[in-house]
Protein backbone atom coordinates (compact mmCIF):
# COMPACT_ATOMS: atom_id res chain seq x y z
CA MET A 1 45.03 108.94 31.41
CA ILE A 2 43.75 105.56 32.22
CA ALA A 3 41.17 107.49 34.30
CA PHE A 4 40.12 109.09 31.45
CA VAL A 5 40.07 105.85 29.35
CA ALA A 6 38.04 104.29 32.16
CA ARG A 7 35.69 107.06 32.47
CA ARG A 8 34.84 106.97 29.27
CA LEU A 9 34.22 103.21 28.85
CA SER A 10 32.03 102.56 31.79
CA LEU A 11 29.74 105.95 29.92
CA ALA A 12 29.95 103.99 26.75
CA LEU A 13 28.77 100.64 28.66
CA ILE A 14 25.74 102.56 29.85
CA SER A 15 24.68 104.14 26.67
CA ILE A 16 24.77 100.77 25.09
CA VAL A 17 23.07 98.90 28.16
CA GLY A 18 20.46 101.61 27.82
CA ALA A 19 19.69 101.98 24.15
CA SER A 20 19.43 98.15 24.34
CA VAL A 21 16.53 98.13 27.09
CA ILE A 22 14.67 101.31 25.39
CA ALA A 23 14.21 99.30 21.75
CA PHE A 24 13.42 96.18 23.64
CA VAL A 25 10.95 97.65 25.60
CA ILE A 26 9.19 99.55 22.67
CA LEU A 27 9.61 96.42 20.31
CA ARG A 28 7.48 94.53 22.71
CA VAL A 29 4.71 97.19 23.56
CA ALA A 30 4.18 98.06 19.41
CA PRO A 31 1.10 97.12 18.57
CA GLY A 32 0.75 93.50 16.56
CA ASP A 33 1.72 90.07 16.63
CA PRO A 34 4.63 88.71 15.06
CA ALA A 35 3.47 85.08 15.04
CA ARG A 36 0.41 85.96 12.93
CA LEU A 37 2.63 88.38 11.10
CA VAL A 38 4.65 85.41 9.95
CA LEU A 39 2.49 82.42 10.32
CA GLY A 40 -0.53 84.12 7.96
CA GLN A 41 -4.15 84.75 8.91
CA PHE A 42 -5.19 81.23 8.57
CA ALA A 43 -3.02 80.06 10.98
CA THR A 44 -4.26 78.21 14.39
CA PRO A 45 -4.28 79.22 17.81
CA ALA A 46 -1.78 76.23 18.52
CA GLN A 47 0.07 77.18 15.42
CA ILE A 48 0.45 80.55 16.61
CA ALA A 49 1.36 79.18 20.67
CA GLN A 50 3.65 77.17 19.19
CA PHE A 51 5.89 79.76 17.14
CA ARG A 52 5.64 82.01 20.27
CA ARG A 53 7.22 79.29 22.76
CA ALA A 54 9.69 78.68 20.25
CA ASN A 55 10.94 81.79 19.94
CA GLY A 56 10.93 82.75 23.67
CA LEU A 57 7.96 85.55 22.87
CA ASP A 58 5.31 83.95 25.77
CA LEU A 59 8.22 84.70 28.81
CA ASN A 60 7.73 87.85 30.88
CA LEU A 61 9.79 90.96 29.49
CA ALA A 62 12.73 90.37 31.73
CA ALA A 63 13.20 87.05 31.08
CA GLN A 64 12.74 87.79 27.34
CA TYR A 65 15.36 90.78 27.44
CA TRP A 66 17.89 88.23 29.71
CA ARG A 67 17.50 85.62 27.26
CA PHE A 68 18.31 88.40 24.22
CA VAL A 69 21.24 89.87 26.19
CA SER A 70 22.57 86.05 27.20
CA ARG A 71 22.38 85.39 23.60
CA PHE A 72 23.60 88.46 21.98
CA VAL A 73 27.10 88.73 23.74
CA THR A 74 28.21 85.26 22.53
CA GLY A 75 27.26 85.90 19.20
CA ASP A 76 23.90 84.34 18.70
CA TRP A 77 21.81 87.23 17.49
CA GLY A 78 18.45 85.25 16.60
CA PHE A 79 16.65 84.25 13.39
CA SER A 80 14.82 85.89 11.27
CA TYR A 81 11.59 85.09 12.12
CA GLY A 82 10.60 85.46 8.51
CA SER A 83 13.41 83.86 6.90
CA GLY A 84 14.76 81.66 8.92
CA VAL A 85 18.18 82.45 8.31
CA PRO A 86 20.79 83.99 11.63
CA VAL A 87 20.34 87.69 12.09
CA ARG A 88 23.88 87.80 12.44
CA HIS A 89 24.71 86.37 8.73
CA LEU A 90 22.12 88.69 7.73
CA LEU A 91 23.66 92.26 8.61
CA ILE A 92 27.27 90.94 8.16
CA SER A 93 26.30 90.42 4.66
CA ARG A 94 24.73 93.89 4.41
CA LEU A 95 26.89 95.94 6.40
CA PRO A 96 29.40 96.32 3.88
CA ALA A 97 27.30 98.45 1.45
CA THR A 98 25.89 100.30 4.46
CA VAL A 99 29.32 101.50 5.79
CA GLU A 100 30.85 101.83 1.44
CA LEU A 101 27.44 104.11 1.33
CA ALA A 102 28.21 106.04 5.02
CA LEU A 103 32.39 106.58 4.50
CA THR A 104 31.77 108.20 0.73
CA ALA A 105 28.62 110.54 2.27
CA PHE A 106 31.31 111.54 5.01
CA ALA A 107 34.59 111.29 3.15
CA TRP A 108 33.30 114.34 0.71
CA ALA A 109 31.01 115.88 3.19
CA ALA A 110 34.27 116.51 5.46
CA ALA A 111 35.80 117.69 2.97
CA ALA A 112 33.82 120.32 1.06
CA ALA A 113 32.98 121.92 4.57
CA VAL A 114 36.46 122.47 5.52
CA LEU A 115 37.42 123.67 1.75
CA LEU A 116 34.15 126.35 1.76
CA ALA A 117 34.44 127.02 5.62
CA LEU A 118 38.37 128.01 4.90
CA ALA A 119 37.09 129.59 1.42
CA CYS A 120 34.32 132.00 2.71
CA THR A 121 36.25 132.85 6.23
CA TYR A 122 39.98 133.62 5.58
CA ARG A 123 38.69 136.41 3.25
CA THR A 124 35.60 138.42 2.73
CA ARG A 125 33.77 137.28 -0.14
CA PRO A 126 30.36 138.30 0.08
CA ARG A 127 28.64 136.42 -2.87
CA LEU A 128 30.57 133.24 -1.76
CA GLU A 129 29.47 133.24 1.61
CA ARG A 130 25.88 133.72 1.09
CA SER A 131 25.11 131.34 -1.62
CA VAL A 132 26.74 128.50 0.27
CA ASN A 133 24.91 129.71 3.77
CA ALA A 134 21.76 129.65 1.17
CA VAL A 135 22.81 126.01 0.16
CA ALA A 136 23.68 125.24 3.85
CA PHE A 137 20.39 125.89 5.36
CA ALA A 138 18.49 124.44 2.76
CA GLY A 139 20.41 121.02 3.56
CA LEU A 140 19.82 121.40 7.64
CA ALA A 141 16.49 122.08 6.74
CA ALA A 142 15.34 119.02 4.22
CA PRO A 143 14.88 115.78 5.50
CA PRO A 144 17.25 113.34 3.29
CA PHE A 145 14.61 110.58 1.89
CA TRP A 146 13.16 113.84 0.56
CA LEU A 147 15.74 114.87 -1.08
CA ALA A 148 16.04 111.45 -2.53
CA LEU A 149 12.94 111.44 -3.96
CA LEU A 150 13.76 114.04 -5.69
CA ALA A 151 17.09 113.65 -6.25
CA LEU A 152 15.93 110.28 -8.26
CA LEU A 153 13.20 112.28 -10.32
CA ALA A 154 15.08 115.10 -11.21
CA LEU A 155 18.11 113.28 -12.01
CA SER A 156 17.69 109.75 -12.94
CA LEU A 157 13.81 109.87 -14.45
CA LYS A 158 13.68 112.91 -15.72
CA ILE A 159 17.37 113.79 -17.39
CA GLY A 160 18.90 110.24 -16.75
CA ILE A 161 22.39 111.53 -15.48
CA PHE A 162 22.53 108.73 -12.92
CA PRO A 163 20.94 105.88 -12.72
CA GLY A 164 17.68 104.65 -10.85
CA PRO A 165 16.90 102.94 -7.61
CA ASP A 166 18.54 99.38 -8.70
CA GLY A 167 21.05 98.79 -6.13
CA GLN A 168 25.02 99.02 -6.16
CA ILE A 169 25.84 98.48 -9.73
CA ASN A 170 24.35 97.48 -13.25
CA ALA A 171 23.19 93.65 -13.15
CA ARG A 172 23.85 93.30 -16.72
CA LEU A 173 27.31 93.28 -16.06
CA ALA A 174 29.70 89.99 -15.77
CA ALA A 175 30.33 88.86 -11.83
CA PHE A 176 33.77 89.46 -10.17
CA PRO A 177 34.78 88.32 -6.69
CA HIS A 178 33.61 90.23 -3.85
CA PRO A 179 36.17 89.02 -1.17
CA THR A 180 35.82 92.27 1.02
CA GLY A 181 32.08 93.32 0.20
CA PHE A 182 33.44 96.83 -0.67
CA LEU A 183 32.28 97.11 -4.26
CA LEU A 184 34.38 99.95 -4.67
CA LEU A 185 37.21 98.23 -3.84
CA ASP A 186 36.65 94.99 -4.95
CA SER A 187 36.18 95.74 -8.16
CA LEU A 188 39.50 97.41 -8.89
CA LEU A 189 41.26 94.22 -7.15
CA ALA A 190 39.48 92.63 -9.84
CA GLY A 191 40.57 94.62 -12.70
CA ARG A 192 37.41 95.48 -13.73
CA LEU A 193 37.13 98.80 -14.53
CA ASP A 194 33.70 99.00 -16.34
CA ALA A 195 32.18 97.72 -12.96
CA PHE A 196 34.13 100.24 -10.52
CA ALA A 197 32.34 103.13 -12.70
CA SER A 198 28.94 101.29 -12.69
CA VAL A 199 29.21 101.60 -8.49
CA VAL A 200 30.16 104.91 -8.55
CA SER A 201 27.47 106.16 -10.67
CA HIS A 202 25.40 104.46 -8.51
CA LEU A 203 26.99 105.45 -5.50
CA VAL A 204 26.72 109.20 -6.15
CA LEU A 205 23.13 110.63 -5.31
CA PRO A 206 22.76 108.17 -2.37
CA ALA A 207 26.47 109.60 -1.08
CA PHE A 208 25.17 112.77 -1.66
CA VAL A 209 21.93 113.18 -0.36
CA LEU A 210 23.08 111.86 2.66
CA GLY A 211 25.98 113.90 3.24
CA LEU A 212 24.10 116.95 1.97
CA GLY A 213 23.19 117.20 5.40
CA VAL A 214 26.64 116.33 7.10
CA TRP A 215 28.31 118.81 5.24
CA ALA A 216 25.99 121.63 6.27
CA TYR A 217 26.00 121.05 9.96
CA LEU A 218 30.23 120.40 9.99
CA TYR A 219 30.86 123.70 7.53
CA ARG A 220 28.44 126.05 10.15
CA LEU A 221 30.26 124.96 12.84
CA LEU A 222 33.80 124.82 11.24
CA ARG A 223 33.12 128.44 10.24
CA ALA A 224 31.76 129.75 13.21
CA ASN A 225 34.81 128.21 15.13
CA LEU A 226 36.87 129.91 12.42
CA LEU A 227 35.57 133.26 12.79
CA GLU A 228 35.67 132.84 16.62
CA VAL A 229 39.53 132.24 16.45
CA ALA A 230 39.58 134.81 13.78
CA ASN A 231 40.20 137.34 15.61
CA GLU A 232 42.85 135.53 18.14
CA PRO A 233 46.25 137.88 18.53
CA PHE A 234 48.50 134.88 17.55
CA LEU A 235 47.44 134.65 13.62
CA MET A 236 48.51 138.27 13.49
CA VAL A 237 52.09 137.43 14.95
CA VAL A 238 51.50 134.79 12.58
CA GLU A 239 50.85 136.94 9.47
CA SER A 240 53.29 139.89 10.57
CA LYS A 241 56.11 137.06 9.76
CA GLY A 242 55.42 137.47 6.51
CA ILE A 243 53.02 134.20 6.09
CA GLY A 244 50.22 133.98 3.93
CA ARG A 245 47.05 134.58 4.78
CA TRP A 246 46.06 131.43 3.49
CA THR A 247 48.64 129.23 4.94
CA THR A 248 47.89 130.53 8.28
CA PHE A 249 44.70 129.97 8.48
CA TRP A 250 44.95 126.64 7.00
CA ARG A 251 48.14 126.08 9.46
CA HIS A 252 47.55 127.53 12.71
CA ALA A 253 43.27 128.89 12.56
CA LEU A 254 41.96 125.51 11.36
CA PRO A 255 43.73 123.48 14.06
CA ASN A 256 42.97 125.72 16.66
CA ALA A 257 39.11 125.80 15.14
CA GLY A 258 38.84 122.38 14.55
CA LEU A 259 38.65 120.74 17.98
CA PRO A 260 34.79 121.07 18.23
CA THR A 261 34.06 120.05 14.79
CA LEU A 262 36.16 117.22 15.40
CA THR A 263 33.54 116.15 17.88
CA ALA A 264 30.97 116.74 16.34
CA ALA A 265 32.63 114.80 13.16
CA GLY A 266 32.64 112.06 15.45
CA LEU A 267 28.60 111.96 15.90
CA VAL A 268 27.28 112.98 12.56
CA LEU A 269 29.95 109.98 11.03
CA ALA A 270 28.42 107.41 14.07
CA TRP A 271 25.34 108.28 12.75
CA LEU A 272 26.16 107.66 9.18
CA LEU A 273 26.88 104.48 9.80
CA GLY A 274 23.50 103.50 11.93
CA GLY A 275 20.88 106.12 10.48
CA SER A 276 21.24 106.04 6.52
CA VAL A 277 17.69 103.63 6.87
CA LEU A 278 15.55 105.46 4.90
CA VAL A 279 17.92 106.90 1.49
CA GLU A 280 18.82 103.25 1.67
CA ALA A 281 15.32 102.00 1.44
CA VAL A 282 14.46 105.07 -1.32
CA PHE A 283 17.45 103.99 -3.42
CA ASP A 284 16.97 100.26 -2.84
CA TRP A 285 20.65 100.60 -1.86
CA PRO A 286 21.18 96.24 -0.39
CA GLY A 287 22.28 97.50 2.83
CA VAL A 288 21.34 97.39 6.60
CA GLY A 289 18.25 99.95 5.74
CA GLY A 290 16.39 97.84 3.75
CA LEU A 291 16.73 94.44 5.66
CA VAL A 292 15.61 96.84 8.74
CA VAL A 293 12.57 98.66 7.07
CA ASP A 294 11.31 95.16 6.11
CA ALA A 295 11.93 93.80 9.61
CA VAL A 296 9.64 96.66 11.06
CA GLY A 297 7.09 96.40 8.83
CA GLN A 298 7.03 92.22 10.24
CA LYS A 299 7.78 93.32 13.44
CA ASP A 300 10.70 90.89 13.19
CA TYR A 301 12.59 91.72 16.62
CA SER A 302 15.50 89.74 16.13
CA ILE A 303 16.77 92.15 13.47
CA VAL A 304 15.79 95.43 14.81
CA GLN A 305 17.09 94.47 18.09
CA ALA A 306 20.38 93.18 17.04
CA PHE A 307 20.54 95.97 14.35
CA ILE A 308 19.60 98.88 16.71
CA VAL A 309 22.28 97.30 19.52
CA VAL A 310 24.98 97.45 16.55
CA SER A 311 24.21 101.05 16.21
CA ALA A 312 24.44 101.92 19.38
CA ALA A 313 27.48 100.17 19.92
CA THR A 314 28.69 101.68 16.58
CA TYR A 315 27.99 105.10 17.90
CA VAL A 316 29.51 104.82 21.09
CA ALA A 317 32.50 103.07 19.78
CA VAL A 318 33.04 106.18 17.14
CA ASN A 319 32.56 108.78 19.70
CA PHE A 320 34.80 107.00 22.35
CA LEU A 321 37.38 106.69 20.08
CA VAL A 322 36.95 110.51 18.98
CA ASP A 323 37.00 111.14 23.16
CA LEU A 324 40.35 109.14 23.43
CA LEU A 325 41.57 111.34 20.44
CA TYR A 326 40.12 114.54 22.02
CA GLY A 327 42.12 114.06 24.72
CA VAL A 328 45.43 113.01 23.08
CA VAL A 329 45.20 116.38 21.06
CA ASP A 330 44.66 118.77 23.79
CA PRO A 331 45.60 117.74 27.05
CA ARG A 332 43.58 120.25 29.20
CA ILE A 333 40.69 117.62 28.56
CA ARG A 334 42.75 114.40 30.24
CA THR A 335 43.69 117.05 33.29
CA ALA A 336 40.17 118.49 33.66
CA VAL A 337 38.86 114.55 33.33
CA ASN A 338 41.98 113.39 36.22
CA HIS A 339 40.63 116.63 38.40
CA GLY A 340 37.33 115.58 38.19
CA ALA A 341 38.13 111.84 39.01
CA GLN A 342 40.41 112.75 42.01
CA GLN A 343 37.65 114.92 43.48
């Protein structure tokens, strides 16, 4: 088990370093001068040179990267060029909104994928299967930001069922304490059911749009695995004992078919935590996404770099935990890794 953890941890660190290098280089070679964008078109050459010296932009790429990494690991993520606020404070203040949206999207997508995959597999239902497969194909093919625009146009502007792109909560409601930053939880802790209802109504559309592709991917993967497991002899043995087919699939087929889906779930959860930028921008969600979109337009290196590194670390950390869980659930994985390490 120690060799298994050590191998996964080393791969995780290599992935984070690689992501940081690629992001750093791409941002530096992209056209545009952050000094000119921040100071404006009327800034003098002396002012631009002073800005570049103050922010280390006059150093070579290797020196700039070392400056960034050495400060990042100590918690100094730099300052936003545009606002002068520490980047770590900006990201941390917006992170709860992003996490709340990502977890909500993942929760409904994973639950719906499991239930519909079981419903379409344990018993033949051609109409249900065709309908669910059609929606799954559409969910995989449609870009999330395009779905977000359609959802806003149809369900908010035309029908008016859900609120428009105005953040997490109705701004006209009375304020309440935000000790955790997660408005769903904070509104309940404050006993504000009106605020809780407002947060839920604002959360439904972005969480649905963000989770639709995730649901489609997990559903198709789990259903394919269930169809494969459904032909295994051990299920016939279980059913021969008088156990119902739904119970057989739920208790015996699903755990065996769910191992590959577990890895996929870790991948999509990590992606949701760091990849909801465009959906957040469409819904004006006060998460990290809007901050990053503005930073990209302003060439605010500090914010974009920190976001990419944090996203890569989150992605790797979630998958590292999934790998460990996979090794616990299936001891064959640990045995294979240990055998490979010994060779």
